[in-house]
């Protein structure tokens, strides 16, 4: 029997942004809220009818048809939207380009979802609301999920979203690439949106699945479109594409056959996707043609250092630590500092890593971040401080929600059994 709620959730993540984008292009940017509403209505109708009538052969086409009909109903009720009716009537479904397709200039211009990303990140939207609006509208993220990504309060994010939509309605922009003076700022926000979308798929914050491949691979597709366009294919865009491709290449080995987490040192590198690795390294080469070094360059460099190492033991942790030092200087975030502490531990031992972690251990933004406590527990366990390690693993378990992560933490907690040796 089909898991209808699970399927609808998948379609919400995988297809809702495409449907909203296609409708917005036909309704006009000023009717973005209407496009979101009719797509949401279609998803709700799927939840109500599919359990009784069965899942249609083409669920995405079914959703597109229901959303189209709902949009037509809205047009009939509102005479001011009558001129949009022909565009909606001619629309049936959206073609989704595949990850394997080359990112051509035509794709980059015509891709509805990419257009929607640039709309959400345009000059008419307040700067602090651009990425949240893009994540909400094109990515289907909730205010709570966006708040986690920004280490911010959910209420603050919700206020930004309301303000952004009000500004968009007032401005009434079209779905086109911004004018040259506004393009760099919009591009920065689009790249950040794609980056955060990938992260949400690479390491899900909740649910049974640690990895949401559909979300992550959609981010890869968009990154390649941006990097492949002559107006947006900057070194920074190539660096982001390189980073995401190099990370995505490891998907086949992030979990074992039982769905348990495999750490990097335990992964079978022969199963990494060689095609994605090669594509990532090509984008990294293109990223080096500019004068600036951005955080995306540095993160891609770290991913490349792992990608080219023939084994975990052969990993150049000194180079990775050097890149993390540069990354922390460019982006002094507590999460970067946490990741750097892991590199310190690999290069100089768990004691040095624990000292580096202590600098950010009490940062307010990390107190609800399970990986802070899990990392500290791991370093303490390696030092033999089993009682302290157990306390850290318990703190991580109290916060962690993805089930594979909880099982991993529970296993590490079990490994702490025995007296404290310090």
Protein backbone atom coordinates (compact mmCIF):
# COMPACT_ATOMS: atom_id res chain seq x y z
CA UNK A 1 0.00 0.00 0.00
CA UNK A 2 1.30 3.45 -0.94
CA UNK A 3 2.32 5.74 1.91
CA UNK A 4 0.17 8.68 0.80
CA UNK A 5 1.34 11.19 3.47
CA UNK A 6 4.96 10.31 2.69
CA UNK A 7 4.38 10.66 -1.06
CA UNK A 8 2.63 14.02 -0.65
CA UNK A 9 5.47 15.25 1.56
CA UNK A 10 7.94 14.14 -1.13
CA UNK A 11 5.96 15.99 -3.81
CA UNK A 12 5.69 19.06 -1.56
CA UNK A 13 9.49 19.15 -1.33
CA UNK A 14 10.22 17.99 -4.83
CA UNK A 15 7.53 19.58 -7.01
CA UNK A 16 5.69 22.37 -5.17
CA UNK A 17 8.37 24.95 -5.94
CA UNK A 18 8.25 24.09 -9.63
CA UNK A 19 4.46 24.37 -9.69
CA UNK A 20 4.45 27.68 -7.81
CA UNK A 21 7.11 29.02 -10.17
CA UNK A 22 5.23 27.95 -13.30
CA UNK A 23 1.99 29.50 -12.04
CA UNK A 24 3.72 32.70 -10.96
CA UNK A 25 5.16 33.18 -14.43
CA UNK A 26 1.65 32.98 -15.86
CA UNK A 27 -0.20 34.89 -13.13
CA UNK A 28 2.44 37.57 -12.65
CA UNK A 29 4.78 38.12 -9.72
CA UNK A 30 2.20 40.24 -7.93
CA UNK A 31 0.08 37.08 -7.58
CA UNK A 32 2.76 34.96 -5.94
CA UNK A 33 0.51 34.34 -2.92
CA UNK A 34 -2.29 33.04 -5.16
CA UNK A 35 0.13 30.63 -6.83
CA UNK A 36 1.25 29.34 -3.42
CA UNK A 37 -2.35 28.99 -2.25
CA UNK A 38 -3.59 26.91 -5.19
CA UNK A 39 -0.58 24.58 -5.04
CA UNK A 40 -1.19 24.12 -1.31
CA UNK A 41 -4.86 23.43 -2.09
CA UNK A 42 -3.82 20.74 -4.57
CA UNK A 43 -1.58 19.05 -1.99
CA UNK A 44 -4.34 19.08 0.62
CA UNK A 45 -6.77 17.57 -1.90
CA UNK A 46 -4.23 14.82 -2.61
CA UNK A 47 -4.06 13.96 1.08
CA UNK A 48 -7.86 13.77 1.24
CA UNK A 49 -8.61 11.82 -1.95
CA UNK A 50 -5.67 9.54 -2.73
CA UNK A 51 -6.17 7.23 0.28
CA UNK A 52 -9.70 6.43 -1.01
CA UNK A 53 -9.34 6.66 -4.81
CA UNK A 54 -5.74 5.59 -5.20
CA UNK A 55 -2.63 7.44 -6.25
CA UNK A 56 -2.81 8.60 -9.90
CA UNK A 57 -0.36 7.20 -12.42
CA UNK A 58 1.35 10.59 -12.71
CA UNK A 59 1.02 12.34 -9.33
CA UNK A 60 2.89 15.49 -10.42
CA UNK A 61 0.63 15.95 -13.45
CA UNK A 62 -2.41 15.42 -11.20
CA UNK A 63 -1.22 18.15 -8.84
CA UNK A 64 -0.54 20.47 -11.76
CA UNK A 65 -4.06 19.92 -13.13
CA UNK A 66 -5.72 20.50 -9.74
CA UNK A 67 -3.65 23.64 -9.15
CA UNK A 68 -4.51 24.88 -12.65
CA UNK A 69 -8.23 24.35 -12.03
CA UNK A 70 -8.03 26.15 -8.68
CA UNK A 71 -6.26 29.05 -10.36
CA UNK A 72 -8.98 29.21 -13.02
CA UNK A 73 -11.64 29.30 -10.31
CA UNK A 74 -9.83 32.24 -8.73
CA UNK A 75 -9.66 34.00 -12.09
CA UNK A 76 -13.41 33.62 -12.58
CA UNK A 77 -14.05 35.17 -9.16
CA UNK A 78 -11.67 38.11 -9.69
CA UNK A 79 -12.27 40.16 -12.82
CA UNK A 80 -8.92 41.91 -12.40
CA UNK A 81 -7.22 38.58 -13.18
CA UNK A 82 -9.27 37.81 -16.28
CA UNK A 83 -6.37 38.67 -18.62
CA UNK A 84 -4.37 35.85 -17.05
CA UNK A 85 -6.95 33.20 -17.92
CA UNK A 86 -5.60 32.26 -21.34
CA UNK A 87 -2.11 31.72 -19.97
CA UNK A 88 -3.43 29.41 -17.24
CA UNK A 89 -5.75 27.48 -19.56
CA UNK A 90 -2.84 26.64 -21.85
CA UNK A 91 -0.75 25.32 -19.00
CA UNK A 92 -0.94 21.65 -18.01
CA UNK A 93 2.27 20.64 -16.31
CA UNK A 94 5.86 21.68 -15.84
CA UNK A 95 8.74 19.80 -17.37
CA UNK A 96 11.48 19.17 -14.83
CA UNK A 97 15.00 19.04 -16.31
CA UNK A 98 17.05 16.10 -15.06
CA UNK A 99 20.32 16.33 -13.14
CA UNK A 100 22.12 14.57 -15.99
CA UNK A 101 21.12 17.20 -18.55
CA UNK A 102 23.73 19.84 -19.38
CA UNK A 103 23.10 23.28 -17.94
CA UNK A 104 22.64 25.35 -21.09
CA UNK A 105 21.93 29.05 -21.38
CA UNK A 106 18.42 28.25 -22.57
CA UNK A 107 17.70 26.13 -19.49
CA UNK A 108 18.98 28.85 -17.20
CA UNK A 109 16.74 31.49 -18.78
CA UNK A 110 13.61 29.37 -19.08
CA UNK A 111 13.74 27.42 -15.83
CA UNK A 112 10.72 28.66 -13.89
CA UNK A 113 12.07 27.80 -10.47
CA UNK A 114 15.30 29.66 -11.10
CA UNK A 115 13.28 32.67 -12.23
CA UNK A 116 11.29 32.47 -9.00
CA UNK A 117 14.49 32.36 -6.94
CA UNK A 118 15.70 35.57 -8.56
CA UNK A 119 12.30 37.17 -8.04
CA UNK A 120 12.44 36.38 -4.32
CA UNK A 121 15.96 37.79 -4.18
CA UNK A 122 15.26 40.94 -6.21
CA UNK A 123 15.82 44.54 -5.13
CA UNK A 124 12.13 44.91 -4.24
CA UNK A 125 12.52 42.47 -1.32
CA UNK A 126 14.21 43.60 1.93
CA UNK A 127 17.76 42.14 2.01
CA UNK A 128 17.22 40.20 5.24
CA UNK A 129 14.11 38.55 3.82
CA UNK A 130 15.39 37.47 0.40
CA UNK A 131 16.83 34.09 1.30
CA UNK A 132 13.98 33.21 3.73
CA UNK A 133 11.40 34.10 1.05
CA UNK A 134 13.21 32.03 -1.57
CA UNK A 135 13.45 29.06 0.78
CA UNK A 136 9.75 29.33 1.66
CA UNK A 137 8.40 29.92 -1.84
CA UNK A 138 10.67 27.89 -4.10
CA UNK A 139 11.86 25.31 -1.59
CA UNK A 140 8.74 24.70 0.47
CA UNK A 141 10.56 25.24 3.77
CA UNK A 142 8.56 26.12 6.86
CA UNK A 143 9.34 29.14 9.01
CA UNK A 144 10.66 26.78 11.69
CA UNK A 145 13.05 25.10 9.26
CA UNK A 146 14.29 28.46 7.97
CA UNK A 147 14.79 29.66 11.54
CA UNK A 148 16.96 26.60 12.25
CA UNK A 149 19.07 27.31 9.17
CA UNK A 150 19.66 30.90 10.30
CA UNK A 151 19.91 30.09 14.01
CA UNK A 152 17.10 32.63 14.46
CA UNK A 153 13.69 32.82 16.13
CA UNK A 154 10.76 31.43 14.17
CA UNK A 155 8.63 34.52 14.89
CA UNK A 156 11.31 36.80 13.44
CA UNK A 157 11.47 34.72 10.25
CA UNK A 158 7.68 34.74 9.92
CA UNK A 159 7.65 38.54 10.16
CA UNK A 160 10.30 38.79 7.44
CA UNK A 161 8.23 36.59 5.14
CA UNK A 162 5.09 38.68 5.60
CA UNK A 163 7.03 41.89 4.95
CA UNK A 164 8.70 40.45 1.86
CA UNK A 165 5.43 39.39 0.24
CA UNK A 166 3.89 42.78 0.91
CA UNK A 167 6.83 44.47 -0.79
CA UNK A 168 6.62 42.13 -3.77
CA UNK A 169 2.93 42.81 -4.31
CA UNK A 170 3.57 46.53 -4.21
CA UNK A 171 6.54 46.38 -6.59
CA UNK A 172 4.93 44.02 -9.12
CA UNK A 173 8.22 42.91 -10.72
CA UNK A 174 8.45 40.38 -13.54
CA UNK A 175 10.20 37.03 -13.56
CA UNK A 176 13.44 37.96 -15.27
CA UNK A 177 17.07 38.21 -14.28
CA UNK A 178 17.66 41.48 -12.41
CA UNK A 179 19.21 44.47 -14.15
CA UNK A 180 23.00 44.53 -14.10
CA UNK A 181 23.38 46.89 -11.09
CA UNK A 182 21.09 44.69 -8.94
CA UNK A 183 22.37 41.33 -10.14
CA UNK A 184 25.32 40.76 -7.76
CA UNK A 185 23.22 41.17 -4.60
CA UNK A 186 20.42 39.02 -6.01
CA UNK A 187 22.90 36.38 -7.12
CA UNK A 188 24.45 36.23 -3.65
CA UNK A 189 21.03 35.56 -2.13
CA UNK A 190 20.19 32.94 -4.77
CA UNK A 191 23.47 31.13 -4.13
CA UNK A 192 22.84 31.16 -0.37
CA UNK A 193 19.34 29.77 -0.93
CA UNK A 194 20.69 26.94 -3.06
CA UNK A 195 23.40 26.25 -0.47
CA UNK A 196 20.90 26.04 2.41
CA UNK A 197 18.54 23.91 0.33
CA UNK A 198 21.31 21.42 -0.34
CA UNK A 199 22.23 21.32 3.34
CA UNK A 200 18.62 20.55 4.25
CA UNK A 201 18.73 17.53 1.96
CA UNK A 202 22.26 16.45 2.84
CA UNK A 203 21.53 16.27 6.57
CA UNK A 204 17.82 16.45 7.33
CA UNK A 205 16.87 17.99 10.67
CA UNK A 206 14.04 15.58 11.44
CA UNK A 207 12.24 12.41 10.39
CA UNK A 208 13.25 8.86 9.54
CA UNK A 209 15.68 9.84 6.79
CA UNK A 210 19.00 11.54 7.42
CA UNK A 211 19.48 12.20 3.69
CA UNK A 212 16.81 13.75 1.43
CA UNK A 213 18.38 13.12 -1.97
CA UNK A 214 15.55 14.74 -3.93
CA UNK A 215 16.01 18.06 -2.14
CA UNK A 216 19.79 17.98 -2.39
CA UNK A 217 19.89 17.00 -6.06
CA UNK A 218 17.43 19.75 -6.95
CA UNK A 219 19.85 22.19 -5.33
CA UNK A 220 22.67 20.70 -7.42
CA UNK A 221 20.59 21.16 -10.57
CA UNK A 222 19.91 24.81 -9.77
CA UNK A 223 23.57 25.45 -8.90
CA UNK A 224 24.63 24.06 -12.28
CA UNK A 225 22.05 26.24 -14.06
CA UNK A 226 23.36 29.36 -12.33
CA UNK A 227 26.99 28.46 -13.02
CA UNK A 228 26.18 27.71 -16.66
CA UNK A 229 24.56 31.08 -17.47
CA UNK A 230 26.78 33.79 -18.96
CA UNK A 231 25.41 36.51 -16.66
CA UNK A 232 25.44 34.50 -13.44
CA UNK A 233 28.29 32.04 -14.00
CA UNK A 234 30.73 33.86 -11.74
CA UNK A 235 33.67 32.16 -10.00
CA UNK A 236 31.58 32.16 -6.81
CA UNK A 237 28.74 30.33 -8.61
CA UNK A 238 31.20 27.77 -9.96
CA UNK A 239 32.62 27.32 -6.45
CA UNK A 240 29.15 26.55 -5.07
CA UNK A 241 28.44 24.11 -7.91
CA UNK A 242 31.78 22.41 -7.18
CA UNK A 243 31.00 22.12 -3.47
CA UNK A 244 27.55 20.61 -3.99
CA UNK A 245 28.68 18.17 -6.68
CA UNK A 246 31.61 16.95 -4.57
CA UNK A 247 29.32 16.46 -1.57
CA UNK A 248 26.58 14.79 -3.62
CA UNK A 249 29.10 12.31 -5.01
CA UNK A 250 29.28 10.73 -1.54
CA UNK A 251 25.54 10.03 -1.28
CA UNK A 252 25.86 6.29 -2.10
CA UNK A 253 27.94 5.76 1.04
CA UNK A 254 26.48 8.11 3.66
CA UNK A 255 24.28 5.33 5.05
CA UNK A 256 24.81 1.58 5.18
CA UNK A 257 22.34 -1.06 3.96
CA UNK A 258 20.44 -0.85 7.26
CA UNK A 259 20.12 2.94 7.06
CA UNK A 260 22.74 3.63 9.72
CA UNK A 261 25.16 6.56 9.46
CA UNK A 262 28.55 5.85 7.93
CA UNK A 263 31.23 8.32 8.96
CA UNK A 264 33.63 9.56 6.29
CA UNK A 265 36.44 7.29 7.47
CA UNK A 266 34.15 4.24 7.18
CA UNK A 267 32.83 4.92 3.68
CA UNK A 268 33.77 2.78 0.67
CA UNK A 269 35.34 5.40 -1.59
CA UNK A 270 35.11 3.15 -4.63
CA UNK A 271 31.33 3.69 -4.50
CA UNK A 272 31.55 7.48 -4.70
CA UNK A 273 30.00 8.81 -7.92
CA UNK A 274 32.99 9.42 -10.21
CA UNK A 275 30.95 11.43 -12.69
CA UNK A 276 29.82 13.92 -10.04
CA UNK A 277 33.36 14.09 -8.61
CA UNK A 278 34.80 14.91 -12.02
CA UNK A 279 32.12 17.54 -12.64
CA UNK A 280 32.80 19.07 -9.23
CA UNK A 281 36.53 19.31 -9.88
CA UNK A 282 35.88 20.95 -13.27
CA UNK A 283 33.69 23.59 -11.61
CA UNK A 284 36.39 24.09 -8.96
CA UNK A 285 38.90 24.80 -11.71
CA UNK A 286 36.52 27.38 -13.21
CA UNK A 287 36.04 28.90 -9.74
CA UNK A 288 39.77 29.60 -9.57
CA UNK A 289 39.69 32.00 -12.53
CA UNK A 290 38.63 34.96 -10.42
CA UNK A 291 40.59 37.13 -8.02
CA UNK A 292 38.35 36.64 -4.96
CA UNK A 293 38.28 33.66 -2.62
CA UNK A 294 34.85 33.19 -1.08
CA UNK A 295 33.60 30.80 1.61
CA UNK A 296 32.22 28.62 -1.18
CA UNK A 297 35.75 28.34 -2.61
CA UNK A 298 37.12 27.30 0.76
CA UNK A 299 34.37 24.78 1.48
CA UNK A 300 34.78 23.34 -2.02
CA UNK A 301 38.52 23.08 -1.36
CA UNK A 302 37.81 21.09 1.81
CA UNK A 303 35.43 18.79 -0.08
CA UNK A 304 38.03 18.35 -2.83
CA UNK A 305 40.71 17.41 -0.29
CA UNK A 306 38.47 14.56 0.85
CA UNK A 307 37.54 13.65 -2.73
CA UNK A 308 41.12 13.21 -3.96
CA UNK A 309 42.38 11.34 -0.89
CA UNK A 310 42.70 7.64 -1.83
CA UNK A 311 41.81 6.60 1.72
CA UNK A 312 40.75 8.12 5.02
CA UNK A 313 44.26 7.58 6.39
CA UNK A 314 45.76 9.48 3.46
CA UNK A 315 43.58 12.58 4.01
CA UNK A 316 45.63 15.78 4.17
CA UNK A 317 44.22 17.10 7.44
CA UNK A 318 46.84 19.85 7.63
CA UNK A 319 45.56 21.31 4.38
CA UNK A 320 41.96 20.93 5.53
CA UNK A 321 42.78 22.70 8.80
CA UNK A 322 44.47 25.52 6.87
CA UNK A 323 41.33 25.89 4.75
CA UNK A 324 39.15 25.93 7.88
CA UNK A 325 41.33 28.66 9.37
CA UNK A 326 40.75 30.75 6.25
CA UNK A 327 37.04 29.91 6.25
CA UNK A 328 36.63 30.95 9.88
CA UNK A 329 38.31 34.26 9.08
CA UNK A 330 35.86 34.81 6.19
CA UNK A 331 32.80 33.43 7.97
CA UNK A 332 33.23 33.51 11.77
CA UNK A 333 30.14 31.43 12.49
CA UNK A 334 29.90 29.01 15.42
CA UNK A 335 29.12 26.10 13.06
CA UNK A 336 32.32 26.73 11.10
CA UNK A 337 34.24 26.90 14.38
CA UNK A 338 32.71 23.56 15.40
CA UNK A 339 33.72 21.94 12.12
CA UNK A 340 37.21 23.41 12.46
CA UNK A 341 37.50 21.80 15.91
CA UNK A 342 36.91 18.41 14.26
CA UNK A 343 39.74 19.13 11.81
CA UNK A 344 41.99 20.16 14.71
CA UNK A 345 41.23 16.84 16.42
CA UNK A 346 42.13 14.93 13.27
CA UNK A 347 45.36 16.86 12.77
CA UNK A 348 46.56 17.30 16.37
CA UNK A 349 44.61 14.82 18.48
CA UNK A 350 41.33 14.84 20.45
CA UNK A 351 42.73 16.97 23.28
CA UNK A 352 43.58 19.80 20.89
CA UNK A 353 40.19 19.40 19.25
CA UNK A 354 38.45 19.64 22.61
CA UNK A 355 40.37 22.84 23.39
CA UNK A 356 39.27 24.32 20.06
CA UNK A 357 35.68 23.27 20.72
CA UNK A 358 35.71 24.96 24.11
CA UNK A 359 35.92 28.36 22.40
CA UNK A 360 32.39 27.95 21.00
CA UNK A 361 30.92 25.41 23.40
CA UNK A 362 28.76 28.00 25.19
CA UNK A 363 27.70 29.96 22.11
CA UNK A 364 23.93 30.57 22.44
CA UNK A 365 23.22 29.59 18.84
CA UNK A 366 24.71 26.12 19.37
CA UNK A 367 22.93 25.13 22.56
CA UNK A 368 20.13 23.45 20.60
CA UNK A 369 22.53 22.02 18.01
CA UNK A 370 22.93 18.27 18.68
CA UNK A 371 26.19 17.96 16.74
CA UNK A 372 27.93 20.28 19.22
CA UNK A 373 27.22 17.88 22.07
CA UNK A 374 27.79 14.81 19.92
CA UNK A 375 31.18 16.06 18.75
CA UNK A 376 32.22 16.92 22.29
CA UNK A 377 31.13 13.47 23.44
CA UNK A 378 33.18 11.81 20.71
CA UNK A 379 36.34 13.73 21.61
CA UNK A 380 35.88 13.03 25.32
CA UNK A 381 35.35 9.33 24.60
CA UNK A 382 38.58 9.21 22.59
CA UNK A 383 40.36 10.71 25.60
CA UNK A 384 38.85 8.06 27.88
CA UNK A 385 36.62 10.51 29.81
CA UNK A 386 33.63 8.21 29.57
CA UNK A 387 31.40 9.85 32.21
CA UNK A 388 31.71 13.29 30.62
CA UNK A 389 31.32 11.77 27.19
CA UNK A 390 28.12 10.01 28.24
CA UNK A 391 26.70 13.29 29.55
CA UNK A 392 27.42 14.97 26.21
CA UNK A 393 25.85 12.14 24.23
CA UNK A 394 22.74 12.33 26.43
CA UNK A 395 22.52 16.07 25.79
CA UNK A 396 22.79 15.42 22.05
CA UNK A 397 20.12 12.72 22.19
CA UNK A 398 17.74 15.12 23.94
CA UNK A 399 17.99 17.43 20.92
CA UNK A 400 18.45 15.14 17.93
CA UNK A 401 15.41 14.23 15.82
CA UNK A 402 16.56 12.41 12.65
CA UNK A 403 16.26 8.75 13.62
CA UNK A 404 19.60 7.64 12.08
CA UNK A 405 21.39 10.32 14.11
CA UNK A 406 19.58 9.26 17.28
CA UNK A 407 20.61 5.65 16.72
CA UNK A 408 24.21 6.70 16.12
CA UNK A 409 24.27 8.76 19.32
CA UNK A 410 22.65 5.94 21.30
CA UNK A 411 25.36 3.57 20.08
CA UNK A 412 28.09 6.00 21.13
CA UNK A 413 26.40 6.42 24.51
CA UNK A 414 26.45 2.64 24.94
CA UNK A 415 30.17 2.69 24.17
CA UNK A 416 30.69 4.88 27.25
CA UNK A 417 29.79 2.07 29.64
CA UNK A 418 32.50 1.67 32.25
CA UNK A 419 34.35 3.83 34.77
CA UNK A 420 35.78 7.24 33.95
CA UNK A 421 39.47 6.66 33.28
CA UNK A 422 40.56 10.27 33.82
